[in-house]
């Protein structure tokens, strides 16, 4: 854990952790991180839409349930995106540290 924290502390802005040895792996990591970032933004937008639907439901139980479900699905998607980001970066840095 201490090594991971020192990697984060010593990382230069704009560089991905653990890609010093391979330009291909750095590019793949960058592309995957960008895709996951876009999906995270989509999840936040879905949660905002669910919140707006909840606020404008006027107490209709069907609309309230649909809005709550939309917020829940957006939150689940955001958690999946964060976990995918963490797993991808951990695996890429682990692969590069074992091969180097």
N, C-alpha and C. Protein backbone atom coordinates (compact mmCIF):
# COMPACT_ATOMS: atom_id res chain seq x y z
N UNK A 1 0.83 -1.18 0.00
CA UNK A 1 0.00 0.00 0.00
C UNK A 1 0.87 1.24 0.00
N UNK A 2 1.97 1.18 0.76
CA UNK A 2 2.86 2.33 0.83
C UNK A 2 3.49 2.61 -0.53
N UNK A 3 3.82 1.53 -1.27
CA UNK A 3 4.39 1.71 -2.61
C UNK A 3 3.40 2.38 -3.55
N UNK A 4 2.14 2.00 -3.45
CA UNK A 4 1.11 2.59 -4.30
C UNK A 4 0.95 4.07 -4.00
N UNK A 5 0.97 4.43 -2.72
CA UNK A 5 0.85 5.83 -2.35
C UNK A 5 2.05 6.65 -2.81
N UNK A 6 3.24 6.07 -2.74
CA UNK A 6 4.41 6.80 -3.21
C UNK A 6 4.39 6.96 -4.73
N UNK A 7 3.85 5.97 -5.45
CA UNK A 7 3.71 6.12 -6.90
C UNK A 7 2.76 7.26 -7.24
N UNK A 8 1.65 7.36 -6.50
CA UNK A 8 0.71 8.46 -6.74
C UNK A 8 1.36 9.80 -6.39
N UNK A 9 2.13 9.84 -5.33
CA UNK A 9 2.75 11.09 -4.90
C UNK A 9 3.85 11.53 -5.86
N UNK A 10 4.58 10.57 -6.44
CA UNK A 10 5.69 10.89 -7.32
C UNK A 10 5.31 11.01 -8.79
N UNK A 11 4.06 10.72 -9.12
CA UNK A 11 3.64 10.74 -10.52
C UNK A 11 3.58 12.16 -11.03
N UNK A 12 4.05 12.34 -12.26
CA UNK A 12 3.96 13.64 -12.90
C UNK A 12 2.56 13.81 -13.47
N UNK A 13 2.05 15.05 -13.46
CA UNK A 13 0.73 15.26 -14.05
C UNK A 13 0.71 14.88 -15.52
N UNK A 14 -0.35 14.20 -15.95
CA UNK A 14 -0.48 13.81 -17.34
C UNK A 14 0.14 12.47 -17.67
N UNK A 15 0.83 11.85 -16.73
CA UNK A 15 1.42 10.53 -16.96
C UNK A 15 0.62 9.50 -16.20
N UNK A 16 0.52 8.33 -16.78
CA UNK A 16 -0.15 7.23 -16.10
C UNK A 16 0.86 6.44 -15.31
N UNK A 17 0.43 5.98 -14.17
CA UNK A 17 1.34 5.27 -13.28
C UNK A 17 1.70 3.92 -13.87
N UNK A 18 2.98 3.63 -13.93
CA UNK A 18 3.44 2.32 -14.35
C UNK A 18 3.66 2.15 -15.83
N UNK A 19 3.60 3.19 -16.65
CA UNK A 19 3.78 3.00 -18.08
C UNK A 19 5.14 3.47 -18.57
N UNK A 20 6.12 3.52 -17.69
CA UNK A 20 7.43 4.01 -18.08
C UNK A 20 8.10 3.11 -19.12
N UNK A 21 7.81 1.81 -19.08
CA UNK A 21 8.52 0.88 -19.93
C UNK A 21 7.91 0.63 -21.29
N UNK A 22 6.70 1.02 -21.54
CA UNK A 22 6.05 0.63 -22.77
C UNK A 22 5.12 1.73 -23.27
N UNK A 23 5.39 2.21 -24.49
CA UNK A 23 4.52 3.22 -25.07
C UNK A 23 3.17 2.62 -25.46
N UNK A 24 3.18 1.37 -25.93
CA UNK A 24 1.93 0.71 -26.30
C UNK A 24 1.02 0.55 -25.10
N UNK A 25 1.57 0.07 -24.00
CA UNK A 25 0.76 -0.12 -22.79
C UNK A 25 0.25 1.22 -22.27
N UNK A 26 1.07 2.27 -22.37
CA UNK A 26 0.63 3.59 -21.96
C UNK A 26 -0.51 4.09 -22.81
N UNK A 27 -0.42 3.84 -24.12
CA UNK A 27 -1.49 4.26 -25.02
C UNK A 27 -2.77 3.48 -24.74
N UNK A 28 -2.65 2.19 -24.54
CA UNK A 28 -3.83 1.37 -24.24
C UNK A 28 -4.45 1.81 -22.93
N UNK A 29 -3.62 2.06 -21.93
CA UNK A 29 -4.12 2.52 -20.65
C UNK A 29 -4.82 3.86 -20.79
N UNK A 30 -4.24 4.75 -21.58
CA UNK A 30 -4.85 6.06 -21.80
C UNK A 30 -6.20 5.96 -22.49
N UNK A 31 -6.28 5.10 -23.48
CA UNK A 31 -7.56 4.92 -24.19
C UNK A 31 -8.61 4.32 -23.27
N UNK A 32 -8.24 3.30 -22.51
CA UNK A 32 -9.19 2.66 -21.59
C UNK A 32 -9.64 3.66 -20.52
N UNK A 33 -8.70 4.43 -19.99
CA UNK A 33 -9.06 5.41 -18.97
C UNK A 33 -9.98 6.49 -19.54
N UNK A 34 -9.75 6.89 -20.78
CA UNK A 34 -10.63 7.89 -21.41
C UNK A 34 -12.04 7.34 -21.59
N UNK A 35 -12.14 6.10 -22.04
CA UNK A 35 -13.46 5.47 -22.22
C UNK A 35 -14.18 5.36 -20.88
N UNK A 36 -13.46 4.92 -19.86
CA UNK A 36 -14.07 4.79 -18.54
C UNK A 36 -14.49 6.17 -18.00
N UNK A 37 -13.68 7.19 -18.28
CA UNK A 37 -14.03 8.54 -17.86
C UNK A 37 -15.30 9.04 -18.52
N UNK A 38 -15.43 8.79 -19.82
CA UNK A 38 -16.64 9.20 -20.53
C UNK A 38 -17.85 8.46 -19.98
N UNK A 39 -17.70 7.17 -19.72
CA UNK A 39 -18.81 6.40 -19.14
C UNK A 39 -19.18 6.91 -17.75
N UNK A 40 -18.18 7.35 -16.98
CA UNK A 40 -18.46 7.93 -15.67
C UNK A 40 -19.27 9.21 -15.78
N UNK A 41 -18.93 10.04 -16.76
CA UNK A 41 -19.69 11.27 -16.98
C UNK A 41 -21.12 10.93 -17.40
N UNK A 42 -21.29 9.92 -18.24
CA UNK A 42 -22.63 9.49 -18.65
C UNK A 42 -23.43 9.03 -17.43
N UNK A 43 -22.81 8.31 -16.51
CA UNK A 43 -23.50 7.85 -15.30
C UNK A 43 -23.95 9.03 -14.45
N UNK A 44 -23.11 10.05 -14.33
CA UNK A 44 -23.50 11.23 -13.55
C UNK A 44 -24.67 11.94 -14.22
N UNK A 45 -24.64 12.05 -15.55
CA UNK A 45 -25.74 12.68 -16.27
C UNK A 45 -27.03 11.89 -16.07
N UNK A 46 -26.95 10.56 -16.08
CA UNK A 46 -28.14 9.73 -15.85
C UNK A 46 -28.70 9.99 -14.44
N UNK A 47 -27.80 10.12 -13.45
CA UNK A 47 -28.27 10.41 -12.10
C UNK A 47 -28.92 11.79 -12.02
N UNK A 48 -28.37 12.76 -12.72
CA UNK A 48 -28.97 14.10 -12.74
C UNK A 48 -30.36 14.05 -13.39
N UNK A 49 -30.47 13.33 -14.49
CA UNK A 49 -31.77 13.19 -15.15
C UNK A 49 -32.77 12.51 -14.20
N UNK A 50 -32.34 11.49 -13.49
CA UNK A 50 -33.21 10.84 -12.52
C UNK A 50 -33.63 11.80 -11.41
N UNK A 51 -32.71 12.65 -10.97
CA UNK A 51 -33.05 13.64 -9.95
C UNK A 51 -34.06 14.66 -10.44
N UNK A 52 -33.89 15.11 -11.68
CA UNK A 52 -34.85 16.05 -12.26
C UNK A 52 -36.21 15.38 -12.40
N UNK A 53 -36.22 14.13 -12.85
CA UNK A 53 -37.49 13.40 -12.97
C UNK A 53 -38.14 13.22 -11.60
N UNK A 54 -37.34 13.00 -10.58
CA UNK A 54 -37.87 12.84 -9.22
C UNK A 54 -38.50 14.16 -8.74
N UNK A 55 -37.81 15.25 -9.02
CA UNK A 55 -38.32 16.56 -8.57
C UNK A 55 -39.59 16.96 -9.32
N UNK A 56 -39.73 16.51 -10.55
CA UNK A 56 -40.89 16.91 -11.35
C UNK A 56 -41.98 15.83 -11.39
N UNK A 57 -41.89 14.83 -10.53
CA UNK A 57 -42.85 13.73 -10.57
C UNK A 57 -44.21 14.10 -9.97
N UNK A 58 -44.27 15.16 -9.22
CA UNK A 58 -45.52 15.64 -8.61
C UNK A 58 -46.19 14.58 -7.73
N UNK A 59 -45.41 13.71 -7.14
CA UNK A 59 -45.95 12.72 -6.22
C UNK A 59 -46.55 11.49 -6.87
N UNK A 60 -46.51 11.41 -8.19
CA UNK A 60 -47.03 10.23 -8.89
C UNK A 60 -46.11 9.05 -8.56
N UNK A 61 -46.68 8.01 -7.97
CA UNK A 61 -45.86 6.90 -7.47
C UNK A 61 -45.11 6.18 -8.59
N UNK A 62 -45.70 6.07 -9.75
CA UNK A 62 -45.03 5.42 -10.88
C UNK A 62 -43.82 6.22 -11.34
N UNK A 63 -43.98 7.55 -11.42
CA UNK A 63 -42.87 8.40 -11.84
C UNK A 63 -41.77 8.45 -10.78
N UNK A 64 -42.19 8.44 -9.51
CA UNK A 64 -41.20 8.46 -8.42
C UNK A 64 -40.37 7.19 -8.45
N UNK A 65 -41.02 6.04 -8.62
CA UNK A 65 -40.28 4.77 -8.68
C UNK A 65 -39.32 4.74 -9.86
N UNK A 66 -39.80 5.21 -11.02
CA UNK A 66 -38.95 5.24 -12.20
C UNK A 66 -37.74 6.16 -11.99
N UNK A 67 -37.96 7.31 -11.35
CA UNK A 67 -36.87 8.24 -11.09
C UNK A 67 -35.87 7.66 -10.10
N UNK A 68 -36.36 7.02 -9.05
CA UNK A 68 -35.46 6.40 -8.07
C UNK A 68 -34.65 5.28 -8.72
N UNK A 69 -35.29 4.49 -9.58
CA UNK A 69 -34.57 3.44 -10.29
C UNK A 69 -33.50 4.02 -11.20
N UNK A 70 -33.81 5.13 -11.86
CA UNK A 70 -32.84 5.77 -12.74
C UNK A 70 -31.62 6.25 -11.94
N UNK A 71 -31.87 6.85 -10.78
CA UNK A 71 -30.77 7.29 -9.93
C UNK A 71 -29.95 6.09 -9.45
N UNK A 72 -30.62 5.02 -9.07
CA UNK A 72 -29.93 3.82 -8.60
C UNK A 72 -29.06 3.21 -9.71
N UNK A 73 -29.61 3.12 -10.92
CA UNK A 73 -28.85 2.55 -12.03
C UNK A 73 -27.65 3.43 -12.38
N UNK A 74 -27.82 4.73 -12.30
CA UNK A 74 -26.70 5.63 -12.53
C UNK A 74 -25.61 5.47 -11.49
N UNK A 75 -26.02 5.30 -10.24
CA UNK A 75 -25.06 5.10 -9.15
C UNK A 75 -24.32 3.77 -9.31
N UNK A 76 -25.04 2.73 -9.66
CA UNK A 76 -24.41 1.42 -9.89
C UNK A 76 -23.41 1.52 -11.05
N UNK A 77 -23.79 2.20 -12.10
CA UNK A 77 -22.89 2.40 -13.23
C UNK A 77 -21.64 3.17 -12.84
N UNK A 78 -21.80 4.18 -11.99
CA UNK A 78 -20.65 4.96 -11.55
C UNK A 78 -19.71 4.12 -10.70
N UNK A 79 -20.26 3.29 -9.83
CA UNK A 79 -19.43 2.40 -9.01
C UNK A 79 -18.67 1.42 -9.90
N UNK A 80 -19.34 0.88 -10.91
CA UNK A 80 -18.68 -0.04 -11.84
C UNK A 80 -17.55 0.67 -12.59
N UNK A 81 -17.78 1.91 -12.99
CA UNK A 81 -16.74 2.67 -13.70
C UNK A 81 -15.53 2.92 -12.81
N UNK A 82 -15.77 3.29 -11.55
CA UNK A 82 -14.66 3.54 -10.62
C UNK A 82 -13.88 2.25 -10.37
N UNK A 83 -14.58 1.15 -10.17
CA UNK A 83 -13.90 -0.13 -9.96
C UNK A 83 -13.14 -0.57 -11.20
N UNK A 84 -13.72 -0.36 -12.38
CA UNK A 84 -13.03 -0.72 -13.62
C UNK A 84 -11.76 0.11 -13.78
N UNK A 85 -11.85 1.39 -13.48
CA UNK A 85 -10.67 2.26 -13.55
C UNK A 85 -9.57 1.77 -12.62
N UNK A 86 -9.95 1.45 -11.38
CA UNK A 86 -8.96 0.97 -10.41
C UNK A 86 -8.35 -0.36 -10.83
N UNK A 87 -9.18 -1.28 -11.30
CA UNK A 87 -8.68 -2.60 -11.70
C UNK A 87 -7.76 -2.49 -12.90
N UNK A 88 -8.15 -1.71 -13.90
CA UNK A 88 -7.32 -1.57 -15.10
C UNK A 88 -5.97 -0.97 -14.74
N UNK A 89 -5.96 0.09 -13.97
CA UNK A 89 -4.69 0.72 -13.62
C UNK A 89 -3.84 -0.17 -12.74
N UNK A 90 -4.47 -0.92 -11.84
CA UNK A 90 -3.70 -1.84 -11.00
C UNK A 90 -3.09 -2.96 -11.83
N UNK A 91 -3.87 -3.54 -12.73
CA UNK A 91 -3.36 -4.65 -13.54
C UNK A 91 -2.27 -4.18 -14.49
N UNK A 92 -2.45 -3.03 -15.12
CA UNK A 92 -1.44 -2.53 -16.04
C UNK A 92 -0.13 -2.24 -15.30
N UNK A 93 -0.22 -1.60 -14.14
CA UNK A 93 1.00 -1.31 -13.40
C UNK A 93 1.64 -2.60 -12.88
N UNK A 94 0.82 -3.60 -12.52
CA UNK A 94 1.35 -4.87 -12.05
C UNK A 94 2.04 -5.62 -13.20
N UNK A 95 1.44 -5.61 -14.37
CA UNK A 95 2.05 -6.27 -15.54
C UNK A 95 3.37 -5.61 -15.88
N UNK A 96 3.40 -4.29 -15.89
CA UNK A 96 4.63 -3.58 -16.26
C UNK A 96 5.71 -3.76 -15.21
N UNK A 97 5.34 -3.82 -13.92
CA UNK A 97 6.35 -3.98 -12.89
C UNK A 97 6.92 -5.41 -12.90
N UNK A 98 6.13 -6.41 -13.29
CA UNK A 98 6.62 -7.78 -13.35
C UNK A 98 7.49 -8.03 -14.59
N UNK A 99 7.18 -7.33 -15.69
CA UNK A 99 7.95 -7.53 -16.92
C UNK A 99 9.23 -6.71 -16.92
N UNK A 100 9.29 -5.66 -16.11
CA UNK A 100 10.43 -4.75 -16.14
C UNK A 100 11.51 -5.19 -15.30
